[in-house]
mmCIF file of all heavy atoms, coordinates in Angstrom:
data_MODEL
# 
_entry.id   MODEL 
# 
loop_
_atom_site.group_PDB 
_atom_site.id 
_atom_site.type_symbol 
_atom_site.label_atom_id 
_atom_site.label_alt_id 
_atom_site.label_comp_id 
_atom_site.label_asym_id 
_atom_site.label_entity_id 
_atom_site.label_seq_id 
_atom_site.pdbx_PDB_ins_code 
_atom_site.Cartn_x 
_atom_site.Cartn_y 
_atom_site.Cartn_z 
_atom_site.occupancy 
_atom_site.B_iso_or_equiv 
_atom_site.pdbx_formal_charge 
_atom_site.auth_seq_id 
_atom_site.auth_comp_id 
_atom_site.auth_asym_id 
_atom_site.auth_atom_id 
_atom_site.pdbx_PDB_model_num 
ATOM 1   N N   . THR A 1 1  ? 8.367   17.024  -3.532  1.00 0.00 ? 1  THR A N   1 
ATOM 2   C CA  . THR A 1 1  ? 7.060   17.550  -3.922  1.00 0.00 ? 1  THR A CA  1 
ATOM 3   C C   . THR A 1 1  ? 6.017   16.449  -4.138  1.00 0.00 ? 1  THR A C   1 
ATOM 4   O O   . THR A 1 1  ? 4.799   16.655  -4.229  1.00 0.00 ? 1  THR A O   1 
ATOM 5   C CB  . THR A 1 1  ? 7.147   18.456  -5.143  1.00 0.00 ? 1  THR A CB  1 
ATOM 6   O OG1 . THR A 1 1  ? 7.768   17.814  -6.117  1.00 0.00 ? 1  THR A OG1 1 
ATOM 7   C CG2 . THR A 1 1  ? 7.889   19.718  -4.789  1.00 0.00 ? 1  THR A CG2 1 
ATOM 8   N N   . ARG A 1 2  ? 6.488   15.295  -4.538  1.00 0.00 ? 2  ARG A N   1 
ATOM 9   C CA  . ARG A 1 2  ? 5.700   14.061  -4.796  1.00 0.00 ? 2  ARG A CA  1 
ATOM 10  C C   . ARG A 1 2  ? 5.712   13.210  -3.600  1.00 0.00 ? 2  ARG A C   1 
ATOM 11  O O   . ARG A 1 2  ? 5.245   12.029  -3.795  1.00 0.00 ? 2  ARG A O   1 
ATOM 12  C CB  . ARG A 1 2  ? 6.281   13.335  -5.933  1.00 0.00 ? 2  ARG A CB  1 
ATOM 13  C CG  . ARG A 1 2  ? 5.974   13.983  -7.416  1.00 0.00 ? 2  ARG A CG  1 
ATOM 14  C CD  . ARG A 1 2  ? 6.233   12.925  -8.443  1.00 0.00 ? 2  ARG A CD  1 
ATOM 15  N NE  . ARG A 1 2  ? 5.921   13.405  -9.752  1.00 0.00 ? 2  ARG A NE  1 
ATOM 16  C CZ  . ARG A 1 2  ? 6.913   13.718  -10.672 1.00 0.00 ? 2  ARG A CZ  1 
ATOM 17  N NH1 . ARG A 1 2  ? 8.182   13.607  -10.334 1.00 0.00 ? 2  ARG A NH1 1 
ATOM 18  N NH2 . ARG A 1 2  ? 6.557   14.206  -11.854 1.00 0.00 ? 2  ARG A NH2 1 
ATOM 19  N N   . GLY A 1 3  ? 6.205   13.572  -2.491  1.00 0.00 ? 3  GLY A N   1 
ATOM 20  C CA  . GLY A 1 3  ? 6.393   12.696  -1.404  1.00 0.00 ? 3  GLY A CA  1 
ATOM 21  C C   . GLY A 1 3  ? 5.142   11.964  -0.950  1.00 0.00 ? 3  GLY A C   1 
ATOM 22  O O   . GLY A 1 3  ? 5.224   10.668  -0.707  1.00 0.00 ? 3  GLY A O   1 
ATOM 23  N N   . ALA A 1 4  ? 4.111   12.599  -0.788  1.00 0.00 ? 4  ALA A N   1 
ATOM 24  C CA  . ALA A 1 4  ? 2.805   11.946  -0.363  1.00 0.00 ? 4  ALA A CA  1 
ATOM 25  C C   . ALA A 1 4  ? 2.421   10.927  -1.371  1.00 0.00 ? 4  ALA A C   1 
ATOM 26  O O   . ALA A 1 4  ? 1.846   9.872   -0.960  1.00 0.00 ? 4  ALA A O   1 
ATOM 27  C CB  . ALA A 1 4  ? 1.683   13.006  -0.099  1.00 0.00 ? 4  ALA A CB  1 
ATOM 28  N N   . ASP A 1 5  ? 2.554   11.226  -2.620  1.00 0.00 ? 5  ASP A N   1 
ATOM 29  C CA  . ASP A 1 5  ? 2.042   10.363  -3.665  1.00 0.00 ? 5  ASP A CA  1 
ATOM 30  C C   . ASP A 1 5  ? 2.933   9.081   -3.779  1.00 0.00 ? 5  ASP A C   1 
ATOM 31  O O   . ASP A 1 5  ? 2.465   7.980   -3.898  1.00 0.00 ? 5  ASP A O   1 
ATOM 32  C CB  . ASP A 1 5  ? 2.151   11.073  -5.031  1.00 0.00 ? 5  ASP A CB  1 
ATOM 33  C CG  . ASP A 1 5  ? 1.229   12.341  -5.049  1.00 0.00 ? 5  ASP A CG  1 
ATOM 34  O OD1 . ASP A 1 5  ? 0.031   12.221  -4.468  1.00 0.00 ? 5  ASP A OD1 1 
ATOM 35  O OD2 . ASP A 1 5  ? 1.698   13.411  -5.534  1.00 0.00 ? 5  ASP A OD2 1 
ATOM 36  N N   . LEU A 1 6  ? 4.205   9.309   -3.649  1.00 0.00 ? 6  LEU A N   1 
ATOM 37  C CA  . LEU A 1 6  ? 5.124   8.116   -3.619  1.00 0.00 ? 6  LEU A CA  1 
ATOM 38  C C   . LEU A 1 6  ? 4.843   7.246   -2.371  1.00 0.00 ? 6  LEU A C   1 
ATOM 39  O O   . LEU A 1 6  ? 4.955   6.072   -2.428  1.00 0.00 ? 6  LEU A O   1 
ATOM 40  C CB  . LEU A 1 6  ? 6.598   8.667   -3.554  1.00 0.00 ? 6  LEU A CB  1 
ATOM 41  C CG  . LEU A 1 6  ? 7.063   9.301   -4.914  1.00 0.00 ? 6  LEU A CG  1 
ATOM 42  C CD1 . LEU A 1 6  ? 8.538   9.946   -4.599  1.00 0.00 ? 6  LEU A CD1 1 
ATOM 43  C CD2 . LEU A 1 6  ? 7.108   8.325   -5.998  1.00 0.00 ? 6  LEU A CD2 1 
ATOM 44  N N   . LYS A 1 7  ? 4.607   7.886   -1.283  1.00 0.00 ? 7  LYS A N   1 
ATOM 45  C CA  . LYS A 1 7  ? 4.359   7.169   -0.046  1.00 0.00 ? 7  LYS A CA  1 
ATOM 46  C C   . LYS A 1 7  ? 2.928   6.381   -0.145  1.00 0.00 ? 7  LYS A C   1 
ATOM 47  O O   . LYS A 1 7  ? 2.873   5.255   0.222   1.00 0.00 ? 7  LYS A O   1 
ATOM 48  C CB  . LYS A 1 7  ? 4.263   8.107   1.117   1.00 0.00 ? 7  LYS A CB  1 
ATOM 49  C CG  . LYS A 1 7  ? 4.380   7.482   2.507   1.00 0.00 ? 7  LYS A CG  1 
ATOM 50  C CD  . LYS A 1 7  ? 4.637   8.457   3.570   1.00 0.00 ? 7  LYS A CD  1 
ATOM 51  C CE  . LYS A 1 7  ? 6.166   8.808   3.479   1.00 0.00 ? 7  LYS A CE  1 
ATOM 52  N NZ  . LYS A 1 7  ? 7.154   7.772   3.666   1.00 0.00 ? 7  LYS A NZ  1 
ATOM 53  N N   . VAL A 1 8  ? 1.981   7.131   -0.699  1.00 0.00 ? 8  VAL A N   1 
ATOM 54  C CA  . VAL A 1 8  ? 0.589   6.373   -0.868  1.00 0.00 ? 8  VAL A CA  1 
ATOM 55  C C   . VAL A 1 8  ? 0.758   5.203   -1.775  1.00 0.00 ? 8  VAL A C   1 
ATOM 56  O O   . VAL A 1 8  ? 0.190   4.245   -1.500  1.00 0.00 ? 8  VAL A O   1 
ATOM 57  C CB  . VAL A 1 8  ? -0.419  7.440   -1.382  1.00 0.00 ? 8  VAL A CB  1 
ATOM 58  C CG1 . VAL A 1 8  ? -1.584  6.700   -1.977  1.00 0.00 ? 8  VAL A CG1 1 
ATOM 59  C CG2 . VAL A 1 8  ? -0.742  8.439   -0.361  1.00 0.00 ? 8  VAL A CG2 1 
ATOM 60  N N   . ARG A 1 9  ? 1.582   5.366   -2.824  1.00 0.00 ? 9  ARG A N   1 
ATOM 61  C CA  . ARG A 1 9  ? 1.688   4.301   -3.786  1.00 0.00 ? 9  ARG A CA  1 
ATOM 62  C C   . ARG A 1 9  ? 2.314   3.031   -3.132  1.00 0.00 ? 9  ARG A C   1 
ATOM 63  O O   . ARG A 1 9  ? 1.730   1.949   -3.187  1.00 0.00 ? 9  ARG A O   1 
ATOM 64  C CB  . ARG A 1 9  ? 2.640   4.695   -4.905  1.00 0.00 ? 9  ARG A CB  1 
ATOM 65  C CG  . ARG A 1 9  ? 2.934   3.601   -6.039  1.00 0.00 ? 9  ARG A CG  1 
ATOM 66  C CD  . ARG A 1 9  ? 4.224   2.892   -5.645  1.00 0.00 ? 9  ARG A CD  1 
ATOM 67  N NE  . ARG A 1 9  ? 5.267   3.784   -5.456  1.00 0.00 ? 9  ARG A NE  1 
ATOM 68  C CZ  . ARG A 1 9  ? 6.369   3.461   -4.743  1.00 0.00 ? 9  ARG A CZ  1 
ATOM 69  N NH1 . ARG A 1 9  ? 6.385   2.254   -4.164  1.00 0.00 ? 9  ARG A NH1 1 
ATOM 70  N NH2 . ARG A 1 9  ? 7.313   4.325   -4.512  1.00 0.00 ? 9  ARG A NH2 1 
ATOM 71  N N   . GLY A 1 10 ? 3.319   3.229   -2.294  1.00 0.00 ? 10 GLY A N   1 
ATOM 72  C CA  . GLY A 1 10 ? 3.960   2.164   -1.562  1.00 0.00 ? 10 GLY A CA  1 
ATOM 73  C C   . GLY A 1 10 ? 3.112   1.564   -0.535  1.00 0.00 ? 10 GLY A C   1 
ATOM 74  O O   . GLY A 1 10 ? 3.077   0.282   -0.336  1.00 0.00 ? 10 GLY A O   1 
ATOM 75  N N   . VAL A 1 11 ? 2.357   2.287   0.117   1.00 0.00 ? 11 VAL A N   1 
ATOM 76  C CA  . VAL A 1 11 ? 1.420   1.875   1.238   1.00 0.00 ? 11 VAL A CA  1 
ATOM 77  C C   . VAL A 1 11 ? 0.319   1.099   0.665   1.00 0.00 ? 11 VAL A C   1 
ATOM 78  O O   . VAL A 1 11 ? -0.139  0.128   1.135   1.00 0.00 ? 11 VAL A O   1 
ATOM 79  C CB  . VAL A 1 11 ? 0.942   3.062   2.086   1.00 0.00 ? 11 VAL A CB  1 
ATOM 80  C CG1 . VAL A 1 11 ? -0.295  2.684   2.954   1.00 0.00 ? 11 VAL A CG1 1 
ATOM 81  C CG2 . VAL A 1 11 ? 2.016   3.614   2.977   1.00 0.00 ? 11 VAL A CG2 1 
ATOM 82  N N   . LEU A 1 12 ? -0.286  1.543   -0.531  1.00 0.00 ? 12 LEU A N   1 
ATOM 83  C CA  . LEU A 1 12 ? -1.382  0.836   -1.069  1.00 0.00 ? 12 LEU A CA  1 
ATOM 84  C C   . LEU A 1 12 ? -0.932  -0.508  -1.583  1.00 0.00 ? 12 LEU A C   1 
ATOM 85  O O   . LEU A 1 12 ? -1.658  -1.509  -1.389  1.00 0.00 ? 12 LEU A O   1 
ATOM 86  C CB  . LEU A 1 12 ? -1.934  1.662   -2.272  1.00 0.00 ? 12 LEU A CB  1 
ATOM 87  C CG  . LEU A 1 12 ? -2.769  2.895   -1.957  1.00 0.00 ? 12 LEU A CG  1 
ATOM 88  C CD1 . LEU A 1 12 ? -3.317  3.566   -3.244  1.00 0.00 ? 12 LEU A CD1 1 
ATOM 89  C CD2 . LEU A 1 12 ? -3.918  2.608   -0.993  1.00 0.00 ? 12 LEU A CD2 1 
ATOM 90  N N   . ASP A 1 13 ? 0.321   -0.573  -2.134  1.00 0.00 ? 13 ASP A N   1 
ATOM 91  C CA  . ASP A 1 13 ? 0.822   -1.919  -2.571  1.00 0.00 ? 13 ASP A CA  1 
ATOM 92  C C   . ASP A 1 13 ? 0.995   -2.849  -1.364  1.00 0.00 ? 13 ASP A C   1 
ATOM 93  O O   . ASP A 1 13 ? 0.602   -3.922  -1.395  1.00 0.00 ? 13 ASP A O   1 
ATOM 94  C CB  . ASP A 1 13 ? 2.088   -1.738  -3.280  1.00 0.00 ? 13 ASP A CB  1 
ATOM 95  C CG  . ASP A 1 13 ? 1.987   -1.102  -4.683  1.00 0.00 ? 13 ASP A CG  1 
ATOM 96  O OD1 . ASP A 1 13 ? 0.855   -1.054  -5.115  1.00 0.00 ? 13 ASP A OD1 1 
ATOM 97  O OD2 . ASP A 1 13 ? 2.899   -0.588  -5.168  1.00 0.00 ? 13 ASP A OD2 1 
ATOM 98  N N   . GLY A 1 14 ? 1.479   -2.309  -0.279  1.00 0.00 ? 14 GLY A N   1 
ATOM 99  C CA  . GLY A 1 14 ? 1.681   -3.126  0.932   1.00 0.00 ? 14 GLY A CA  1 
ATOM 100 C C   . GLY A 1 14 ? 0.379   -3.515  1.535   1.00 0.00 ? 14 GLY A C   1 
ATOM 101 O O   . GLY A 1 14 ? 0.184   -4.631  1.997   1.00 0.00 ? 14 GLY A O   1 
ATOM 102 N N   . LEU A 1 15 ? -0.595  -2.604  1.562   1.00 0.00 ? 15 LEU A N   1 
ATOM 103 C CA  . LEU A 1 15 ? -1.959  -2.996  2.087   1.00 0.00 ? 15 LEU A CA  1 
ATOM 104 C C   . LEU A 1 15 ? -2.589  -3.974  1.326   1.00 0.00 ? 15 LEU A C   1 
ATOM 105 O O   . LEU A 1 15 ? -3.062  -4.883  1.811   1.00 0.00 ? 15 LEU A O   1 
ATOM 106 C CB  . LEU A 1 15 ? -2.869  -1.665  2.141   1.00 0.00 ? 15 LEU A CB  1 
ATOM 107 C CG  . LEU A 1 15 ? -4.209  -1.860  2.559   1.00 0.00 ? 15 LEU A CG  1 
ATOM 108 C CD1 . LEU A 1 15 ? -4.293  -2.362  4.026   1.00 0.00 ? 15 LEU A CD1 1 
ATOM 109 C CD2 . LEU A 1 15 ? -4.995  -0.527  2.553   1.00 0.00 ? 15 LEU A CD2 1 
ATOM 110 N N   . GLU A 1 16 ? -2.501  -3.885  -0.008  1.00 0.00 ? 16 GLU A N   1 
ATOM 111 C CA  . GLU A 1 16 ? -3.198  -4.911  -0.830  1.00 0.00 ? 16 GLU A CA  1 
ATOM 112 C C   . GLU A 1 16 ? -2.532  -6.349  -0.588  1.00 0.00 ? 16 GLU A C   1 
ATOM 113 O O   . GLU A 1 16 ? -3.270  -7.278  -0.449  1.00 0.00 ? 16 GLU A O   1 
ATOM 114 C CB  . GLU A 1 16 ? -3.068  -4.539  -2.355  1.00 0.00 ? 16 GLU A CB  1 
ATOM 115 C CG  . GLU A 1 16 ? -3.684  -5.635  -3.166  1.00 0.00 ? 16 GLU A CG  1 
ATOM 116 C CD  . GLU A 1 16 ? -3.496  -5.244  -4.741  1.00 0.00 ? 16 GLU A CD  1 
ATOM 117 O OE1 . GLU A 1 16 ? -2.716  -4.325  -5.040  1.00 0.00 ? 16 GLU A OE1 1 
ATOM 118 O OE2 . GLU A 1 16 ? -4.123  -5.820  -5.570  1.00 0.00 ? 16 GLU A OE2 1 
ATOM 119 N N   . GLN A 1 17 ? -1.224  -6.350  -0.515  1.00 0.00 ? 17 GLN A N   1 
ATOM 120 C CA  . GLN A 1 17 ? -0.516  -7.627  -0.388  1.00 0.00 ? 17 GLN A CA  1 
ATOM 121 C C   . GLN A 1 17 ? -0.829  -8.182  0.992   1.00 0.00 ? 17 GLN A C   1 
ATOM 122 O O   . GLN A 1 17 ? -1.015  -9.419  1.091   1.00 0.00 ? 17 GLN A O   1 
ATOM 123 C CB  . GLN A 1 17 ? 0.944   -7.433  -0.513  1.00 0.00 ? 17 GLN A CB  1 
ATOM 124 C CG  . GLN A 1 17 ? 1.744   -8.759  -0.382  1.00 0.00 ? 17 GLN A CG  1 
ATOM 125 C CD  . GLN A 1 17 ? 3.185   -8.590  -0.589  1.00 0.00 ? 17 GLN A CD  1 
ATOM 126 O OE1 . GLN A 1 17 ? 3.557   -7.440  -1.122  1.00 0.00 ? 17 GLN A OE1 1 
ATOM 127 N NE2 . GLN A 1 17 ? 3.989   -9.557  -0.308  1.00 0.00 ? 17 GLN A NE2 1 
ATOM 128 N N   . THR A 1 18 ? -0.867  -7.363  2.008   1.00 0.00 ? 18 THR A N   1 
ATOM 129 C CA  . THR A 1 18 ? -1.069  -7.840  3.355   1.00 0.00 ? 18 THR A CA  1 
ATOM 130 C C   . THR A 1 18 ? -2.471  -8.504  3.621   1.00 0.00 ? 18 THR A C   1 
ATOM 131 O O   . THR A 1 18 ? -2.564  -9.540  4.062   1.00 0.00 ? 18 THR A O   1 
ATOM 132 C CB  . THR A 1 18 ? -0.904  -6.631  4.426   1.00 0.00 ? 18 THR A CB  1 
ATOM 133 O OG1 . THR A 1 18 ? 0.337   -6.145  4.259   1.00 0.00 ? 18 THR A OG1 1 
ATOM 134 C CG2 . THR A 1 18 ? -1.147  -7.131  5.822   1.00 0.00 ? 18 THR A CG2 1 
ATOM 135 N N   . ILE A 1 19 ? -3.465  -7.788  3.056   1.00 0.00 ? 19 ILE A N   1 
ATOM 136 C CA  . ILE A 1 19 ? -4.831  -8.432  3.255   1.00 0.00 ? 19 ILE A CA  1 
ATOM 137 C C   . ILE A 1 19 ? -5.089  -9.539  2.307   1.00 0.00 ? 19 ILE A C   1 
ATOM 138 O O   . ILE A 1 19 ? -5.884  -10.408 2.507   1.00 0.00 ? 19 ILE A O   1 
ATOM 139 C CB  . ILE A 1 19 ? -5.928  -7.356  3.106   1.00 0.00 ? 19 ILE A CB  1 
ATOM 140 C CG1 . ILE A 1 19 ? -5.899  -6.618  1.756   1.00 0.00 ? 19 ILE A CG1 1 
ATOM 141 C CG2 . ILE A 1 19 ? -5.743  -6.251  4.276   1.00 0.00 ? 19 ILE A CG2 1 
ATOM 142 C CD1 . ILE A 1 19 ? -7.069  -5.606  1.650   1.00 0.00 ? 19 ILE A CD1 1 
ATOM 143 N N   . ARG A 1 20 ? -4.397  -9.571  1.131   1.00 0.00 ? 20 ARG A N   1 
ATOM 144 C CA  . ARG A 1 20 ? -4.606  -10.763 0.287   1.00 0.00 ? 20 ARG A CA  1 
ATOM 145 C C   . ARG A 1 20 ? -3.960  -11.979 0.819   1.00 0.00 ? 20 ARG A C   1 
ATOM 146 O O   . ARG A 1 20 ? -4.432  -13.085 0.672   1.00 0.00 ? 20 ARG A O   1 
ATOM 147 C CB  . ARG A 1 20 ? -4.004  -10.468 -1.152  1.00 0.00 ? 20 ARG A CB  1 
ATOM 148 C CG  . ARG A 1 20 ? -4.868  -9.554  -2.011  1.00 0.00 ? 20 ARG A CG  1 
ATOM 149 C CD  . ARG A 1 20 ? -4.311  -9.539  -3.379  1.00 0.00 ? 20 ARG A CD  1 
ATOM 150 N NE  . ARG A 1 20 ? -5.068  -8.534  -4.232  1.00 0.00 ? 20 ARG A NE  1 
ATOM 151 C CZ  . ARG A 1 20 ? -6.275  -8.687  -4.752  1.00 0.00 ? 20 ARG A CZ  1 
ATOM 152 N NH1 . ARG A 1 20 ? -6.899  -9.917  -4.521  1.00 0.00 ? 20 ARG A NH1 1 
ATOM 153 N NH2 . ARG A 1 20 ? -6.876  -7.792  -5.456  1.00 0.00 ? 20 ARG A NH2 1 
ATOM 154 N N   . GLU A 1 21 ? -2.813  -11.797 1.655   1.00 0.00 ? 21 GLU A N   1 
ATOM 155 C CA  . GLU A 1 21 ? -2.245  -12.943 2.319   1.00 0.00 ? 21 GLU A CA  1 
ATOM 156 C C   . GLU A 1 21 ? -2.958  -13.428 3.462   1.00 0.00 ? 21 GLU A C   1 
ATOM 157 O O   . GLU A 1 21 ? -2.871  -14.528 3.885   1.00 0.00 ? 21 GLU A O   1 
ATOM 158 C CB  . GLU A 1 21 ? -0.814  -12.528 2.674   1.00 0.00 ? 21 GLU A CB  1 
ATOM 159 C CG  . GLU A 1 21 ? 0.150   -12.344 1.570   1.00 0.00 ? 21 GLU A CG  1 
ATOM 160 C CD  . GLU A 1 21 ? 1.510   -11.779 2.013   1.00 0.00 ? 21 GLU A CD  1 
ATOM 161 O OE1 . GLU A 1 21 ? 1.623   -11.541 3.188   1.00 0.00 ? 21 GLU A OE1 1 
ATOM 162 O OE2 . GLU A 1 21 ? 2.440   -11.758 1.164   1.00 0.00 ? 21 GLU A OE2 1 
ATOM 163 N N   . ASP A 1 22 ? -3.843  -12.579 4.066   1.00 0.00 ? 22 ASP A N   1 
ATOM 164 C CA  . ASP A 1 22 ? -4.649  -12.898 5.269   1.00 0.00 ? 22 ASP A CA  1 
ATOM 165 C C   . ASP A 1 22 ? -6.051  -12.366 5.100   1.00 0.00 ? 22 ASP A C   1 
ATOM 166 O O   . ASP A 1 22 ? -6.488  -11.424 5.883   1.00 0.00 ? 22 ASP A O   1 
ATOM 167 C CB  . ASP A 1 22 ? -3.909  -12.436 6.462   1.00 0.00 ? 22 ASP A CB  1 
ATOM 168 C CG  . ASP A 1 22 ? -4.626  -12.950 7.794   1.00 0.00 ? 22 ASP A CG  1 
ATOM 169 O OD1 . ASP A 1 22 ? -5.585  -13.852 7.614   1.00 0.00 ? 22 ASP A OD1 1 
ATOM 170 O OD2 . ASP A 1 22 ? -4.391  -12.367 8.817   1.00 0.00 ? 22 ASP A OD2 1 
ATOM 171 N N   . PRO A 1 23 ? -6.823  -12.739 4.133   1.00 0.00 ? 23 PRO A N   1 
ATOM 172 C CA  . PRO A 1 23 ? -8.205  -12.284 3.853   1.00 0.00 ? 23 PRO A CA  1 
ATOM 173 C C   . PRO A 1 23 ? -9.170  -12.557 5.012   1.00 0.00 ? 23 PRO A C   1 
ATOM 174 O O   . PRO A 1 23 ? -9.112  -13.590 5.657   1.00 0.00 ? 23 PRO A O   1 
ATOM 175 C CB  . PRO A 1 23 ? -8.599  -13.002 2.555   1.00 0.00 ? 23 PRO A CB  1 
ATOM 176 C CG  . PRO A 1 23 ? -7.777  -14.301 2.599   1.00 0.00 ? 23 PRO A CG  1 
ATOM 177 C CD  . PRO A 1 23 ? -6.536  -13.954 3.199   1.00 0.00 ? 23 PRO A CD  1 
ATOM 178 N N   . ARG A 1 24 ? -9.977  -11.516 5.276   1.00 0.00 ? 24 ARG A N   1 
ATOM 179 C CA  . ARG A 1 24 ? -10.983 -11.713 6.296   1.00 0.00 ? 24 ARG A CA  1 
ATOM 180 C C   . ARG A 1 24 ? -12.298 -11.081 5.672   1.00 0.00 ? 24 ARG A C   1 
ATOM 181 O O   . ARG A 1 24 ? -12.270 -10.438 4.688   1.00 0.00 ? 24 ARG A O   1 
ATOM 182 C CB  . ARG A 1 24 ? -10.597 -10.921 7.553   1.00 0.00 ? 24 ARG A CB  1 
ATOM 183 C CG  . ARG A 1 24 ? -9.235  -11.363 8.205   1.00 0.00 ? 24 ARG A CG  1 
ATOM 184 C CD  . ARG A 1 24 ? -9.345  -12.636 8.957   1.00 0.00 ? 24 ARG A CD  1 
ATOM 185 N NE  . ARG A 1 24 ? -8.167  -13.024 9.493   1.00 0.00 ? 24 ARG A NE  1 
ATOM 186 C CZ  . ARG A 1 24 ? -7.689  -12.712 10.693  1.00 0.00 ? 24 ARG A CZ  1 
ATOM 187 N NH1 . ARG A 1 24 ? -8.432  -11.848 11.510  1.00 0.00 ? 24 ARG A NH1 1 
ATOM 188 N NH2 . ARG A 1 24 ? -6.488  -13.158 11.126  1.00 0.00 ? 24 ARG A NH2 1 
# 
């Protein structure tokens, strides 16, 4: 029932880290 929220949490963390490592 929290699947989308758990997924968004992980994706946001991954997105932040990815673009901080290669900022444009």
